[in-house]
Amino acid sequence: MKAKSLCIGVLVSSTYAIAAAAAEVDPRFEGFWVGTETFQVAANVIQKGEAPFQKPAVIAIGDRGKMLAVVEGLYPGRYAVSPEWLPSYRRKSEGNTLVFALMNRPIKPVLIRDACKLVLSPDGNTITESGQALLPSQNGGGEPGQVVQPTNAFYFRLANISGTFHRQKK
């Protein structure tokens, strides 16, 4: 009986270890990544479409993919990897995919990056990015981190982000 319990215990703990390992991101994410982000403001009910524009960006990833910072580019700062406030289908970081967003969910809309996803290439030397951000209006007003009031809806624009980054150094 004790041997049977021991076998079941080993099987259960092995299953949890395998599941935990499967949820790890590829350690090759770690390092400094330099690239260009493209912002596309699409036309919809509350905003006019705009021609895409690009900005240079630098991303730093550390602690085997558990820490991420936008060093240069739109809204620099530290971001959470797979934050708990995101719906589970949007926050899954594992293997060659890393999801990042604000550390804490904003209570009110603010000018920020929303959840963004990074995908590591098979050779580990390129990352592609996709996501969304609230950008300040071109009409003036709106600063990074500013709370967007419902009456000031024209102070921001929703943009899709895409980008390509190459490894600068590990």
Protein backbone atom coordinates (compact mmCIF):
# COMPACT_ATOMS: atom_id res chain seq x y z
CA MET A 1 0.00 0.00 0.00
CA LYS A 2 2.83 2.40 0.90
CA ALA A 3 4.58 1.64 -2.40
CA LYS A 4 1.37 2.35 -4.32
CA SER A 5 0.91 5.71 -2.50
CA LEU A 6 4.54 6.59 -3.15
CA CYS A 7 4.14 5.84 -6.88
CA ILE A 8 0.99 7.97 -7.07
CA GLY A 9 2.76 10.81 -5.21
CA VAL A 10 5.72 10.68 -7.59
CA LEU A 11 3.39 10.60 -10.61
CA VAL A 12 1.39 13.61 -9.37
CA SER A 13 4.49 15.67 -8.52
CA SER A 14 6.06 14.75 -11.89
CA THR A 15 2.92 15.94 -13.66
CA TYR A 16 3.09 19.29 -11.84
CA ALA A 17 6.81 19.63 -12.63
CA ILE A 18 6.17 18.97 -16.32
CA ALA A 19 3.28 21.47 -16.38
CA ALA A 20 5.44 24.11 -14.67
CA ALA A 21 8.28 23.51 -17.14
CA ALA A 22 5.86 23.78 -20.07
CA ALA A 23 4.75 27.23 -18.83
CA GLU A 24 8.33 28.61 -18.87
CA VAL A 25 9.33 31.00 -21.62
CA ASP A 26 12.34 30.30 -23.80
CA PRO A 27 15.46 31.52 -21.93
CA ARG A 28 16.78 32.97 -25.20
CA PHE A 29 14.37 35.91 -24.70
CA GLU A 30 16.83 37.29 -22.16
CA GLY A 31 18.88 40.26 -23.36
CA PHE A 32 18.58 43.65 -25.05
CA TRP A 33 16.50 43.92 -28.22
CA VAL A 34 16.68 46.83 -30.67
CA GLY A 35 14.13 47.47 -33.37
CA THR A 36 11.36 49.55 -34.84
CA GLU A 37 7.71 49.66 -33.86
CA THR A 38 4.99 50.57 -36.34
CA PHE A 39 1.80 52.22 -35.07
CA GLN A 40 -1.37 52.00 -37.13
CA VAL A 41 -4.39 54.06 -36.09
CA ALA A 42 -7.34 52.40 -37.80
CA ALA A 43 -10.53 54.26 -38.68
CA ASN A 44 -13.55 53.43 -36.53
CA VAL A 45 -16.58 55.12 -34.97
CA ILE A 46 -14.56 57.36 -32.63
CA GLN A 47 -11.40 58.07 -34.62
CA LYS A 48 -10.15 58.79 -38.11
CA GLY A 49 -7.65 56.41 -39.66
CA GLU A 50 -4.10 57.62 -40.07
CA ALA A 51 -1.06 56.63 -42.07
CA PRO A 52 1.18 54.28 -40.08
CA PHE A 53 4.23 55.78 -38.40
CA GLN A 54 7.35 54.21 -36.92
CA LYS A 55 9.51 54.78 -33.84
CA PRO A 56 12.77 53.15 -32.77
CA ALA A 57 12.55 51.06 -29.60
CA VAL A 58 14.73 49.09 -27.18
CA ILE A 59 13.37 46.30 -24.97
CA ALA A 60 15.27 44.63 -22.12
CA ILE A 61 14.24 41.17 -20.93
CA GLY A 62 15.75 39.54 -17.85
CA ASP A 63 15.34 36.80 -15.27
CA ARG A 64 14.67 34.15 -17.92
CA GLY A 65 11.73 36.10 -19.38
CA LYS A 66 10.11 37.08 -16.09
CA MET A 67 11.12 40.78 -16.22
CA LEU A 68 10.61 43.17 -19.12
CA ALA A 69 11.27 46.88 -19.60
CA VAL A 70 10.73 49.22 -22.52
CA VAL A 71 14.01 51.14 -22.34
CA GLU A 72 13.41 53.40 -25.33
CA GLY A 73 10.27 53.96 -27.36
CA LEU A 74 6.60 54.44 -26.54
CA TYR A 75 5.91 54.66 -22.78
CA PRO A 76 9.25 53.49 -21.34
CA GLY A 77 9.14 51.64 -18.05
CA ARG A 78 8.87 48.24 -16.46
CA TYR A 79 6.02 45.96 -17.50
CA ALA A 80 4.57 42.79 -15.98
CA VAL A 81 4.99 39.49 -17.83
CA SER A 82 1.67 37.58 -17.94
CA PRO A 83 -0.11 39.91 -15.50
CA GLU A 84 -2.91 38.26 -13.54
CA TRP A 85 -5.45 40.98 -14.40
CA LEU A 86 -5.45 40.02 -18.09
CA PRO A 87 -8.01 37.40 -19.13
CA SER A 88 -6.33 33.98 -19.14
CA TYR A 89 -6.58 33.58 -22.92
CA ARG A 90 -4.57 36.81 -23.40
CA ARG A 91 -1.89 36.47 -20.71
CA LYS A 92 -0.31 33.11 -21.50
CA SER A 93 3.47 33.36 -21.78
CA GLU A 94 5.26 30.13 -22.60
CA GLY A 95 7.79 28.72 -25.02
CA ASN A 96 8.50 31.24 -27.74
CA THR A 97 5.68 33.63 -26.68
CA LEU A 98 5.92 36.34 -24.02
CA VAL A 99 2.93 38.56 -23.09
CA PHE A 100 3.45 41.84 -21.23
CA ALA A 101 1.32 44.72 -19.98
CA LEU A 102 1.11 47.22 -17.13
CA MET A 103 1.99 45.95 -13.67
CA ASN A 104 -1.49 46.77 -12.36
CA ARG A 105 -4.73 47.11 -14.24
CA PRO A 106 -5.66 50.77 -14.61
CA ILE A 107 -9.00 51.70 -13.03
CA LYS A 108 -9.66 54.34 -15.69
CA PRO A 109 -8.43 54.47 -19.27
CA VAL A 110 -4.92 55.94 -19.43
CA LEU A 111 -2.50 56.57 -22.25
CA ILE A 112 -0.61 53.27 -22.12
CA ARG A 113 0.40 50.14 -23.95
CA ASP A 114 -2.25 47.46 -23.63
CA ALA A 115 -1.26 43.80 -23.60
CA CYS A 116 1.50 43.16 -26.13
CA LYS A 117 2.84 39.84 -27.36
CA LEU A 118 6.43 39.03 -28.31
CA VAL A 119 7.23 35.94 -30.39
CA LEU A 120 10.81 34.64 -30.56
CA SER A 121 12.08 33.33 -33.91
CA PRO A 122 13.31 29.71 -34.15
CA ASP A 123 16.95 30.87 -34.33
CA GLY A 124 16.47 33.06 -31.21
CA ASN A 125 17.80 36.24 -32.84
CA THR A 126 14.57 38.05 -33.79
CA ILE A 127 11.42 39.00 -31.89
CA THR A 128 8.17 40.10 -33.52
CA GLU A 129 5.72 42.20 -31.52
CA SER A 130 1.98 42.74 -31.74
CA GLY A 131 -0.32 44.68 -29.42
CA GLN A 132 -2.26 47.89 -28.88
CA ALA A 133 -1.71 51.28 -27.27
CA LEU A 134 -3.63 54.42 -26.45
CA LEU A 135 -1.77 57.34 -28.03
CA PRO A 136 -2.16 61.05 -27.36
CA SER A 137 -4.32 62.94 -29.85
CA GLN A 138 -2.62 64.85 -32.63
CA ASN A 139 -4.95 67.74 -31.74
CA GLY A 140 -3.06 68.39 -28.53
CA GLY A 141 -3.73 67.27 -25.00
CA GLY A 142 -3.03 63.87 -23.60
CA GLU A 143 0.24 62.93 -21.98
CA PRO A 144 1.57 59.43 -21.21
CA GLY A 145 -0.14 58.05 -18.11
CA GLN A 146 -2.87 60.71 -18.19
CA VAL A 147 -6.36 59.57 -17.22
CA VAL A 148 -8.68 59.85 -20.20
CA GLN A 149 -12.01 61.42 -19.25
CA PRO A 150 -15.10 60.29 -21.19
CA THR A 151 -15.70 63.90 -22.22
CA ASN A 152 -12.15 64.06 -23.58
CA ALA A 153 -12.41 61.02 -25.85
CA PHE A 154 -10.67 62.92 -28.62
CA TYR A 155 -7.52 63.23 -26.52
CA PHE A 156 -6.45 59.71 -27.41
CA ARG A 157 -6.24 57.33 -30.36
CA LEU A 158 -6.23 53.54 -30.28
CA ALA A 159 -3.33 52.15 -32.31
CA ASN A 160 -2.22 48.67 -33.26
CA ILE A 161 1.47 48.04 -32.62
CA SER A 162 3.70 45.77 -34.67
CA GLY A 163 7.44 45.56 -34.45
CA THR A 164 10.57 43.63 -35.24
CA PHE A 165 13.51 43.48 -32.87
CA HIS A 166 16.99 42.03 -33.18
CA ARG A 167 19.25 40.93 -30.37
CA GLN A 168 21.71 43.64 -29.33
CA LYS A 169 23.48 41.75 -26.56
CA LYS A 170 22.72 39.07 -23.98
